[in-house]
Amino acid sequence: MQVNLSGPQIIFLYKLYNITMIASKRVAVTEAVWAELSDLRRPGETFSQLLAEMIERERKARLVEHLMKIADEGDFVELPP
């Protein structure tokens, strides 16, 4: 089958709004937690940015905690020089 490309071209925009739409979810928090989060936000910072930063810090803290536990409880073998 041969396609004729010399005629008018039709470009389909497949629900462009679905592609550019940012996913949003609601997270239920108490008024106290909402106030604390609001206090932690920097001027111009979104809650999403704040939470992403907090998640990254928590991941790093958990990794350090895990490594410290391994260092304290681990049974290590000395490697030859």
N, C-alpha and C. Protein backbone atom coordinates (compact mmCIF):
# COMPACT_ATOMS: atom_id res chain seq x y z
N MET A 1 0.83 -1.17 0.00
CA MET A 1 0.00 0.00 0.00
C MET A 1 0.88 1.24 0.00
N GLN A 2 0.57 2.18 -0.86
CA GLN A 2 1.36 3.40 -0.99
C GLN A 2 0.55 4.57 -0.45
N VAL A 3 1.20 5.44 0.31
CA VAL A 3 0.53 6.60 0.92
C VAL A 3 0.91 7.84 0.14
N ASN A 4 -0.08 8.64 -0.24
CA ASN A 4 0.17 9.87 -0.97
C ASN A 4 0.35 11.01 0.03
N LEU A 5 1.56 11.55 0.10
CA LEU A 5 1.86 12.63 1.03
C LEU A 5 1.86 13.99 0.35
N SER A 6 1.48 14.05 -0.93
CA SER A 6 1.52 15.33 -1.64
C SER A 6 0.28 16.18 -1.36
N GLY A 7 -0.79 15.60 -0.84
CA GLY A 7 -2.02 16.34 -0.55
C GLY A 7 -1.93 17.04 0.79
N PRO A 8 -3.05 17.61 1.22
CA PRO A 8 -3.05 18.31 2.51
C PRO A 8 -2.74 17.36 3.66
N GLN A 9 -1.99 17.87 4.62
CA GLN A 9 -1.60 17.07 5.78
C GLN A 9 -2.57 17.35 6.92
N ILE A 10 -2.95 16.33 7.64
CA ILE A 10 -3.82 16.46 8.79
C ILE A 10 -3.02 16.03 10.02
N ILE A 11 -2.98 16.89 10.99
CA ILE A 11 -2.27 16.59 12.22
C ILE A 11 -3.31 16.46 13.32
N PHE A 12 -3.28 15.34 14.01
CA PHE A 12 -4.23 15.10 15.09
C PHE A 12 -3.57 15.40 16.43
N LEU A 13 -4.21 16.22 17.22
CA LEU A 13 -3.75 16.47 18.57
C LEU A 13 -4.59 15.61 19.48
N TYR A 14 -4.03 14.53 19.94
CA TYR A 14 -4.77 13.56 20.73
C TYR A 14 -4.89 14.03 22.16
N LYS A 15 -5.99 14.65 22.44
CA LYS A 15 -6.29 15.10 23.80
C LYS A 15 -5.07 15.72 24.46
N LEU A 16 -4.61 16.80 23.88
CA LEU A 16 -3.40 17.46 24.36
C LEU A 16 -3.50 17.80 25.84
N TYR A 17 -4.69 18.14 26.30
CA TYR A 17 -4.84 18.48 27.71
C TYR A 17 -4.51 17.31 28.62
N ASN A 18 -4.70 16.07 28.17
CA ASN A 18 -4.35 14.91 28.98
C ASN A 18 -2.84 14.77 29.12
N ILE A 19 -2.12 15.17 28.09
CA ILE A 19 -0.68 15.03 28.10
C ILE A 19 -0.04 16.08 29.01
N THR A 20 -0.59 17.30 29.00
CA THR A 20 0.02 18.38 29.75
C THR A 20 -0.54 18.53 31.16
N MET A 21 -1.61 17.83 31.47
CA MET A 21 -2.25 17.98 32.78
C MET A 21 -1.38 17.35 33.87
N ILE A 22 -1.18 18.07 34.94
CA ILE A 22 -0.40 17.57 36.06
C ILE A 22 -1.34 16.79 36.97
N ALA A 23 -0.90 15.61 37.36
CA ALA A 23 -1.72 14.78 38.25
C ALA A 23 -1.83 15.45 39.61
N SER A 24 -3.01 15.43 40.16
CA SER A 24 -3.17 15.98 41.50
C SER A 24 -3.97 15.00 42.35
N LYS A 25 -3.57 14.88 43.57
CA LYS A 25 -4.24 13.99 44.52
C LYS A 25 -4.46 14.77 45.80
N ARG A 26 -5.41 14.36 46.55
CA ARG A 26 -5.67 15.00 47.84
C ARG A 26 -5.12 14.10 48.94
N VAL A 27 -4.52 14.74 49.92
CA VAL A 27 -3.99 14.03 51.07
C VAL A 27 -4.65 14.64 52.30
N ALA A 28 -5.34 13.80 53.05
CA ALA A 28 -6.02 14.28 54.24
C ALA A 28 -5.02 14.46 55.38
N VAL A 29 -4.99 15.65 55.95
CA VAL A 29 -4.13 15.93 57.10
C VAL A 29 -4.94 16.71 58.13
N THR A 30 -4.49 16.66 59.36
CA THR A 30 -5.17 17.41 60.41
C THR A 30 -4.84 18.90 60.24
N GLU A 31 -5.61 19.74 60.91
CA GLU A 31 -5.36 21.19 60.86
C GLU A 31 -3.97 21.52 61.39
N ALA A 32 -3.55 20.79 62.43
CA ALA A 32 -2.23 21.04 63.02
C ALA A 32 -1.12 20.72 62.02
N VAL A 33 -1.24 19.61 61.33
CA VAL A 33 -0.23 19.23 60.33
C VAL A 33 -0.24 20.23 59.19
N TRP A 34 -1.41 20.65 58.75
CA TRP A 34 -1.53 21.65 57.68
C TRP A 34 -0.80 22.94 58.08
N ALA A 35 -1.00 23.36 59.32
CA ALA A 35 -0.35 24.59 59.80
C ALA A 35 1.17 24.42 59.83
N GLU A 36 1.63 23.27 60.30
CA GLU A 36 3.09 23.01 60.34
C GLU A 36 3.69 23.00 58.94
N LEU A 37 3.01 22.35 58.00
CA LEU A 37 3.48 22.34 56.62
C LEU A 37 3.52 23.74 56.04
N SER A 38 2.48 24.50 56.31
CA SER A 38 2.42 25.87 55.80
C SER A 38 3.57 26.71 56.34
N ASP A 39 3.91 26.50 57.62
CA ASP A 39 5.03 27.23 58.23
C ASP A 39 6.37 26.85 57.62
N LEU A 40 6.49 25.61 57.15
CA LEU A 40 7.75 25.14 56.58
C LEU A 40 7.97 25.61 55.14
N ARG A 41 6.89 25.96 54.47
CA ARG A 41 7.01 26.37 53.07
C ARG A 41 7.75 27.69 52.95
N ARG A 42 8.63 27.77 51.95
CA ARG A 42 9.33 29.00 51.64
C ARG A 42 8.44 29.84 50.73
N PRO A 43 8.68 31.14 50.67
CA PRO A 43 7.88 31.98 49.76
C PRO A 43 7.98 31.47 48.31
N GLY A 44 6.85 31.27 47.68
CA GLY A 44 6.81 30.81 46.30
C GLY A 44 6.91 29.30 46.14
N GLU A 45 7.18 28.59 47.21
CA GLU A 45 7.32 27.13 47.15
C GLU A 45 5.94 26.47 47.23
N THR A 46 5.73 25.48 46.40
CA THR A 46 4.46 24.76 46.43
C THR A 46 4.54 23.65 47.48
N PHE A 47 3.37 23.16 47.88
CA PHE A 47 3.35 22.04 48.81
C PHE A 47 4.00 20.82 48.17
N SER A 48 3.82 20.66 46.87
CA SER A 48 4.44 19.53 46.16
C SER A 48 5.97 19.60 46.25
N GLN A 49 6.52 20.78 46.05
CA GLN A 49 7.97 20.95 46.14
C GLN A 49 8.46 20.69 47.56
N LEU A 50 7.72 21.21 48.53
CA LEU A 50 8.08 21.01 49.93
C LEU A 50 8.08 19.52 50.28
N LEU A 51 7.01 18.83 49.90
CA LEU A 51 6.92 17.40 50.22
C LEU A 51 7.98 16.58 49.49
N ALA A 52 8.28 16.93 48.25
CA ALA A 52 9.33 16.21 47.51
C ALA A 52 10.68 16.36 48.21
N GLU A 53 10.96 17.57 48.70
CA GLU A 53 12.21 17.81 49.43
C GLU A 53 12.23 17.02 50.73
N MET A 54 11.11 16.99 51.43
CA MET A 54 11.02 16.25 52.69
C MET A 54 11.20 14.75 52.45
N ILE A 55 10.63 14.24 51.37
CA ILE A 55 10.76 12.82 51.03
C ILE A 55 12.22 12.49 50.76
N GLU A 56 12.90 13.34 50.01
CA GLU A 56 14.31 13.10 49.69
C GLU A 56 15.17 13.08 50.96
N ARG A 57 14.92 14.04 51.86
CA ARG A 57 15.66 14.06 53.13
C ARG A 57 15.40 12.79 53.94
N GLU A 58 14.15 12.35 53.98
CA GLU A 58 13.81 11.15 54.75
C GLU A 58 14.48 9.91 54.16
N ARG A 59 14.50 9.82 52.85
CA ARG A 59 15.18 8.68 52.20
C ARG A 59 16.66 8.65 52.56
N LYS A 60 17.30 9.80 52.50
CA LYS A 60 18.72 9.88 52.85
C LYS A 60 18.95 9.52 54.31
N ALA A 61 18.08 10.01 55.20
CA ALA A 61 18.21 9.71 56.63
C ALA A 61 18.05 8.21 56.88
N ARG A 62 17.10 7.59 56.20
CA ARG A 62 16.90 6.14 56.37
C ARG A 62 18.09 5.35 55.85
N LEU A 63 18.69 5.80 54.75
CA LEU A 63 19.88 5.13 54.21
C LEU A 63 21.03 5.23 55.20
N VAL A 64 21.26 6.41 55.75
CA VAL A 64 22.34 6.59 56.72
C VAL A 64 22.08 5.72 57.95
N GLU A 65 20.84 5.70 58.43
CA GLU A 65 20.48 4.87 59.58
C GLU A 65 20.75 3.39 59.29
N HIS A 66 20.40 2.95 58.10
CA HIS A 66 20.62 1.56 57.71
C HIS A 66 22.12 1.23 57.64
N LEU A 67 22.89 2.15 57.06
CA LEU A 67 24.34 1.93 56.97
C LEU A 67 25.00 1.92 58.33
N MET A 68 24.53 2.79 59.23
CA MET A 68 25.08 2.81 60.59
C MET A 68 24.76 1.50 61.31
N LYS A 69 23.55 0.99 61.10
CA LYS A 69 23.17 -0.28 61.73
C LYS A 69 24.05 -1.41 61.21
N ILE A 70 24.30 -1.43 59.92
CA ILE A 70 25.17 -2.45 59.33
C ILE A 70 26.58 -2.32 59.91
N ALA A 71 27.07 -1.09 60.01
CA ALA A 71 28.42 -0.87 60.55
C ALA A 71 28.52 -1.32 62.00
N ASP A 72 27.45 -1.10 62.78
CA ASP A 72 27.48 -1.47 64.20
C ASP A 72 27.30 -2.97 64.41
N GLU A 73 26.44 -3.60 63.62
CA GLU A 73 26.08 -5.00 63.85
C GLU A 73 26.74 -5.97 62.87
N GLY A 74 27.34 -5.43 61.84
CA GLY A 74 27.86 -6.28 60.77
C GLY A 74 29.08 -7.09 61.15
N ASP A 75 29.22 -8.22 60.51
CA ASP A 75 30.38 -9.08 60.70
C ASP A 75 31.22 -8.95 59.45
N PHE A 76 32.35 -8.24 59.55
CA PHE A 76 33.14 -7.91 58.39
C PHE A 76 34.40 -8.77 58.31
N VAL A 77 34.84 -8.99 57.09
CA VAL A 77 36.07 -9.75 56.83
C VAL A 77 37.08 -8.76 56.24
N GLU A 78 38.26 -8.76 56.81
CA GLU A 78 39.30 -7.86 56.31
C GLU A 78 39.80 -8.33 54.95
N LEU A 79 39.88 -7.39 54.03
CA LEU A 79 40.37 -7.72 52.69
C LEU A 79 41.89 -7.55 52.65
N PRO A 80 42.56 -8.42 51.90
CA PRO A 80 44.02 -8.28 51.80
C PRO A 80 44.37 -7.01 51.01
N PRO A 81 45.51 -6.41 51.36
CA PRO A 81 45.93 -5.17 50.68
C PRO A 81 46.30 -5.37 49.23
